[in-house]
Amino acid sequence: MSVRVRAALLIVLIAAGATAACGGRIFAKQYEYEEDLYLATDGSADLIVNASIPALVSLRGLTLDTDPAAQVDRDAIRAAYESPDTDVTRVSRPWRRDGRRFVQVRLKVRDVRSLHTAAPFAWSRYSFSEDNGARVYQQTVGASALRPGTLKNYGWKGNELVAFRLHMPSRIISHNARDIDTSSGSAVQRGNILAWEQLLTDRLDGRPIAIEVRMDRQSILYTTLWLFAGAFGAAVLVIGLMIWLTIRKGAREAQTPA
């Protein structure tokens, strides 16, 4: 087999592996705006926002320069996300995609129920309560900051996506996510992660998103530690029993006359 044929086969195998890893798609989805909420059982959370500068301006009303050639004012972004209930831990350096600049904002949230008091999250209402021995998380995403007649052309093609993801701390009992085509405004479950996706055009129009999840009161980590402790204790007990039986057998053999 020639070198060229081997190289071609290698390229085909790599492409096939990449396609399989992406669920049959060579290229993964690309989002214009994303919120990833890592919820804790006490209501605190870590929150990551990935968004383009035009999306932050159009969806959340941030006062930023949308010119792709202008320098991103990271201090202004940090100031917009800081509040009595949120601490900004990082504003990333910008990156480019499709002629637009993107940034990532990482925050610590003291209580998710008060997250709406931070201006960039005022479009949502949050609830975190207990019901019949379970914890219930609810979020309703309402209207965007876009005013009629103010939308500019930022190179959007109409197929851009927006996502709201929940990384749950406990075993999920039930949820209202729908495992259907996300391009039509749906939600997908992946393990302990729930994602609600919507077209950017629908989010700009303020089409609401209703999120509801019921979960166990105890965190997965807590349960895992108890399982580990139980398994470790059982292993120690078995080893101790084997040692005791060995010692007892040795004592009996020592007492047996030759």
Protein backbone atom coordinates (compact mmCIF):
# COMPACT_ATOMS: atom_id res chain seq x y z
CA MET A 1 0.00 0.00 0.00
CA SER A 2 1.42 3.37 -1.06
CA VAL A 3 2.05 6.28 1.29
CA ARG A 4 -0.67 8.36 -0.39
CA VAL A 5 -3.28 5.63 0.05
CA ARG A 6 -2.33 5.23 3.72
CA ALA A 7 -2.60 8.99 4.26
CA ALA A 8 -6.02 9.07 2.59
CA LEU A 9 -7.28 6.21 4.74
CA LEU A 10 -5.98 7.97 7.86
CA ILE A 11 -7.84 11.16 6.92
CA VAL A 12 -11.05 9.18 6.36
CA LEU A 13 -10.72 7.46 9.75
CA ILE A 14 -10.08 10.77 11.54
CA ALA A 15 -13.11 12.36 9.83
CA ALA A 16 -15.30 9.39 10.74
CA GLY A 17 -14.18 9.56 14.36
CA ALA A 18 -14.86 13.28 14.54
CA THR A 19 -18.30 12.80 12.99
CA ALA A 20 -19.18 10.07 15.49
CA ALA A 21 -17.96 12.19 18.40
CA CYS A 22 -20.23 15.04 17.28
CA GLY A 23 -23.28 12.80 17.08
CA GLY A 24 -23.16 12.49 13.31
CA ARG A 25 -22.21 16.14 12.68
CA ILE A 26 -18.69 17.05 11.61
CA PHE A 27 -19.00 20.50 13.12
CA ALA A 28 -20.46 21.09 16.57
CA LYS A 29 -23.16 23.66 17.21
CA GLN A 30 -22.15 27.25 17.66
CA TYR A 31 -24.03 29.50 20.04
CA GLU A 32 -24.41 33.26 20.05
CA TYR A 33 -25.35 33.41 23.73
CA GLU A 34 -25.01 30.75 26.47
CA GLU A 35 -25.67 30.58 30.20
CA ASP A 36 -24.27 27.59 32.12
CA LEU A 37 -25.55 27.49 35.70
CA TYR A 38 -23.80 25.11 38.11
CA LEU A 39 -26.32 24.92 40.95
CA ALA A 40 -25.54 23.84 44.53
CA THR A 41 -28.05 22.30 46.92
CA ASP A 42 -28.02 25.41 49.13
CA GLY A 43 -29.08 27.68 46.24
CA SER A 44 -25.67 29.16 45.54
CA ALA A 45 -24.21 28.70 42.08
CA ASP A 46 -21.39 29.23 39.65
CA LEU A 47 -22.46 30.83 36.39
CA ILE A 48 -20.65 31.04 33.06
CA VAL A 49 -21.83 33.30 30.24
CA ASN A 50 -20.43 32.96 26.72
CA ALA A 51 -21.75 35.55 24.30
CA SER A 52 -20.93 37.76 21.37
CA ILE A 53 -20.68 41.48 21.96
CA PRO A 54 -23.66 42.17 19.63
CA ALA A 55 -25.72 39.60 21.59
CA LEU A 56 -24.89 41.28 24.91
CA VAL A 57 -25.94 44.62 23.43
CA SER A 58 -29.13 43.37 21.73
CA LEU A 59 -30.28 40.80 24.30
CA ARG A 60 -29.14 42.37 27.56
CA GLY A 61 -28.80 46.05 26.72
CA LEU A 62 -25.12 46.39 27.65
CA THR A 63 -23.49 49.58 26.41
CA LEU A 64 -20.57 48.21 24.40
CA ASP A 65 -18.92 49.05 21.10
CA THR A 66 -20.02 46.44 18.55
CA ASP A 67 -17.42 47.48 15.98
CA PRO A 68 -15.31 44.35 15.32
CA ALA A 69 -12.20 46.54 15.10
CA ALA A 70 -12.78 48.27 18.44
CA GLN A 71 -11.17 47.11 21.68
CA VAL A 72 -13.48 45.23 24.04
CA ASP A 73 -14.07 47.11 27.30
CA ARG A 74 -13.70 44.23 29.74
CA ASP A 75 -13.97 46.56 32.72
CA ALA A 76 -17.38 47.72 31.52
CA ILE A 77 -18.50 44.11 31.17
CA ARG A 78 -17.26 43.29 34.67
CA ALA A 79 -19.07 46.33 36.09
CA ALA A 80 -22.30 45.33 34.35
CA TYR A 81 -22.28 41.85 35.91
CA GLU A 82 -21.16 42.86 39.41
CA SER A 83 -23.98 43.18 41.96
CA PRO A 84 -24.63 42.61 45.68
CA ASP A 85 -25.57 39.01 44.80
CA THR A 86 -22.87 38.25 42.20
CA ASP A 87 -19.08 38.33 42.16
CA VAL A 88 -17.34 38.35 38.80
CA THR A 89 -14.29 36.08 38.95
CA ARG A 90 -13.15 36.44 35.36
CA VAL A 91 -13.82 38.27 32.11
CA SER A 92 -11.91 36.51 29.37
CA ARG A 93 -9.96 37.99 26.54
CA PRO A 94 -12.18 38.30 23.46
CA TRP A 95 -12.10 35.87 20.57
CA ARG A 96 -13.57 36.15 17.09
CA ARG A 97 -16.03 34.05 15.15
CA ASP A 98 -17.95 34.95 12.00
CA GLY A 99 -16.64 38.49 12.19
CA ARG A 100 -17.96 39.06 15.73
CA ARG A 101 -16.11 39.23 19.04
CA PHE A 102 -17.06 36.92 21.91
CA VAL A 103 -16.26 37.00 25.62
CA GLN A 104 -16.73 34.71 28.59
CA VAL A 105 -17.87 35.96 32.01
CA ARG A 106 -17.55 33.77 35.13
CA LEU A 107 -19.50 34.61 38.28
CA LYS A 108 -20.17 33.40 41.80
CA VAL A 109 -23.85 33.63 42.76
CA ARG A 110 -24.73 33.83 46.44
CA ASP A 111 -28.40 32.92 46.04
CA VAL A 112 -29.92 32.01 42.71
CA ARG A 113 -33.31 33.29 43.85
CA SER A 114 -31.89 36.84 43.89
CA LEU A 115 -29.99 36.53 40.62
CA HIS A 116 -32.57 38.66 38.79
CA THR A 117 -31.37 41.70 40.76
CA ALA A 118 -28.20 41.68 38.62
CA ALA A 119 -29.09 43.65 35.48
CA PRO A 120 -27.86 41.13 32.87
CA PHE A 121 -30.12 38.46 34.42
CA ALA A 122 -33.17 40.65 35.01
CA TRP A 123 -34.98 38.96 32.13
CA SER A 124 -35.35 35.81 34.26
CA ARG A 125 -37.25 34.97 37.42
CA TYR A 126 -35.78 32.23 39.60
CA SER A 127 -37.28 29.95 42.22
CA PHE A 128 -35.57 27.30 44.35
CA SER A 129 -37.75 25.56 46.94
CA GLU A 130 -38.62 22.23 48.53
CA ASP A 131 -41.70 20.18 47.78
CA ASN A 132 -42.52 16.71 49.14
CA GLY A 133 -38.92 15.93 50.03
CA ALA A 134 -37.51 17.14 46.71
CA ARG A 135 -35.84 20.36 45.61
CA VAL A 136 -37.54 22.24 42.79
CA TYR A 137 -35.74 24.69 40.52
CA GLN A 138 -37.80 26.98 38.30
CA GLN A 139 -36.74 29.69 35.89
CA THR A 140 -38.73 31.74 33.42
CA VAL A 141 -36.79 33.67 30.79
CA GLY A 142 -38.77 36.64 29.54
CA ALA A 143 -38.31 39.53 27.13
CA SER A 144 -34.94 40.62 25.82
CA ALA A 145 -33.65 44.18 26.03
CA LEU A 146 -34.18 44.74 22.31
CA ARG A 147 -36.46 47.67 21.48
CA PRO A 148 -38.57 47.49 18.32
CA GLY A 149 -36.82 48.98 15.33
CA THR A 150 -33.35 49.07 16.96
CA LEU A 151 -31.95 45.75 15.73
CA LYS A 152 -28.83 46.20 13.62
CA ASN A 153 -27.28 43.83 11.13
CA TYR A 154 -24.34 42.13 12.84
CA GLY A 155 -23.95 39.42 10.22
CA TRP A 156 -26.52 37.12 11.79
CA LYS A 157 -28.00 34.59 9.37
CA GLY A 158 -31.07 33.59 11.39
CA ASN A 159 -29.89 30.14 12.46
CA GLU A 160 -27.85 31.28 15.48
CA LEU A 161 -28.67 29.58 18.78
CA VAL A 162 -29.11 30.62 22.40
CA ALA A 163 -28.76 28.09 25.23
CA PHE A 164 -29.59 27.90 28.94
CA ARG A 165 -27.93 24.92 30.63
CA LEU A 166 -28.34 23.60 34.15
CA HIS A 167 -25.66 21.45 35.78
CA MET A 168 -27.63 19.83 38.59
CA PRO A 169 -26.04 18.84 41.92
CA SER A 170 -28.44 15.98 42.66
CA ARG A 171 -30.15 13.10 40.94
CA ILE A 172 -32.79 14.50 38.60
CA ILE A 173 -36.28 13.23 39.37
CA SER A 174 -38.18 15.02 36.61
CA HIS A 175 -37.83 17.96 34.25
CA ASN A 176 -39.68 19.67 31.43
CA ALA A 177 -36.85 19.47 28.90
CA ARG A 178 -37.79 17.95 25.57
CA ASP A 179 -35.38 15.67 23.76
CA ILE A 180 -36.21 16.93 20.26
CA ASP A 181 -34.64 18.98 17.48
CA THR A 182 -33.03 21.98 19.15
CA SER A 183 -33.16 24.12 16.02
CA SER A 184 -36.92 24.51 16.54
CA GLY A 185 -36.64 25.78 20.10
CA SER A 186 -36.25 22.75 22.35
CA ALA A 187 -34.24 21.27 25.17
CA VAL A 188 -31.92 18.31 25.49
CA GLN A 189 -30.90 16.18 28.45
CA ARG A 190 -27.30 14.95 28.67
CA GLY A 191 -26.64 12.98 31.82
CA ASN A 192 -26.96 15.37 34.75
CA ILE A 193 -26.98 18.40 32.44
CA LEU A 194 -30.19 19.88 31.10
CA ALA A 195 -30.17 22.34 28.20
CA TRP A 196 -32.90 24.58 26.84
CA GLU A 197 -32.10 25.93 23.40
CA GLN A 198 -33.79 28.60 21.32
CA LEU A 199 -33.15 30.40 18.08
CA LEU A 200 -31.58 33.81 18.54
CA THR A 201 -34.42 35.35 16.52
CA ASP A 202 -36.98 33.96 19.00
CA ARG A 203 -34.93 35.17 21.96
CA LEU A 204 -34.68 38.63 20.45
CA ASP A 205 -38.47 38.61 20.08
CA GLY A 206 -38.77 37.65 23.76
CA ARG A 207 -40.44 34.29 23.27
CA PRO A 208 -40.48 32.93 26.87
CA ILE A 209 -38.63 29.86 28.07
CA ALA A 210 -40.05 27.95 31.06
CA ILE A 211 -37.61 25.76 32.99
CA GLU A 212 -38.53 23.36 35.79
CA VAL A 213 -36.47 20.60 37.41
CA ARG A 214 -37.14 18.38 40.42
CA MET A 215 -34.14 16.78 42.10
CA ASP A 216 -33.06 14.92 45.23
CA ARG A 217 -32.30 16.95 48.34
CA GLN A 218 -28.85 15.39 48.79
CA SER A 219 -26.08 16.11 46.32
CA ILE A 220 -24.56 13.44 44.14
CA LEU A 221 -21.18 14.06 45.78
CA TYR A 222 -22.67 13.49 49.24
CA THR A 223 -24.29 10.23 48.11
CA THR A 224 -21.11 9.13 46.36
CA LEU A 225 -19.02 9.75 49.48
CA TRP A 226 -21.40 7.68 51.58
CA LEU A 227 -21.29 4.85 49.01
CA PHE A 228 -17.51 5.03 48.97
CA ALA A 229 -17.38 5.01 52.78
CA GLY A 230 -19.73 2.03 52.87
CA ALA A 231 -17.68 0.13 50.31
CA PHE A 232 -14.45 0.94 52.16
CA GLY A 233 -15.95 -0.17 55.47
CA ALA A 234 -17.15 -3.43 53.93
CA ALA A 235 -13.70 -4.07 52.45
CA VAL A 236 -12.02 -3.44 55.83
CA LEU A 237 -14.52 -5.77 57.50
CA VAL A 238 -13.82 -8.55 55.00
CA ILE A 239 -10.05 -8.15 55.40
CA GLY A 240 -10.38 -8.18 59.18
CA LEU A 241 -12.52 -11.32 59.03
CA MET A 242 -9.97 -13.06 56.79
CA ILE A 243 -7.14 -12.13 59.18
CA TRP A 244 -9.13 -13.39 62.17
CA LEU A 245 -9.92 -16.69 60.42
CA THR A 246 -6.25 -17.12 59.46
CA ILE A 247 -5.07 -16.49 63.02
CA ARG A 248 -7.70 -18.85 64.41
CA LYS A 249 -6.75 -21.57 61.95
CA GLY A 250 -3.07 -21.13 62.83
CA ALA A 251 -3.85 -21.40 66.56
CA ARG A 252 -5.81 -24.63 66.04
CA GLU A 253 -2.99 -26.17 64.00
CA ALA A 254 -0.49 -25.23 66.73
CA GLN A 255 -2.60 -27.01 69.34
CA THR A 256 -2.92 -30.20 67.28
CA PRO A 257 -0.39 -32.91 68.41
CA ALA A 258 2.08 -34.13 65.82
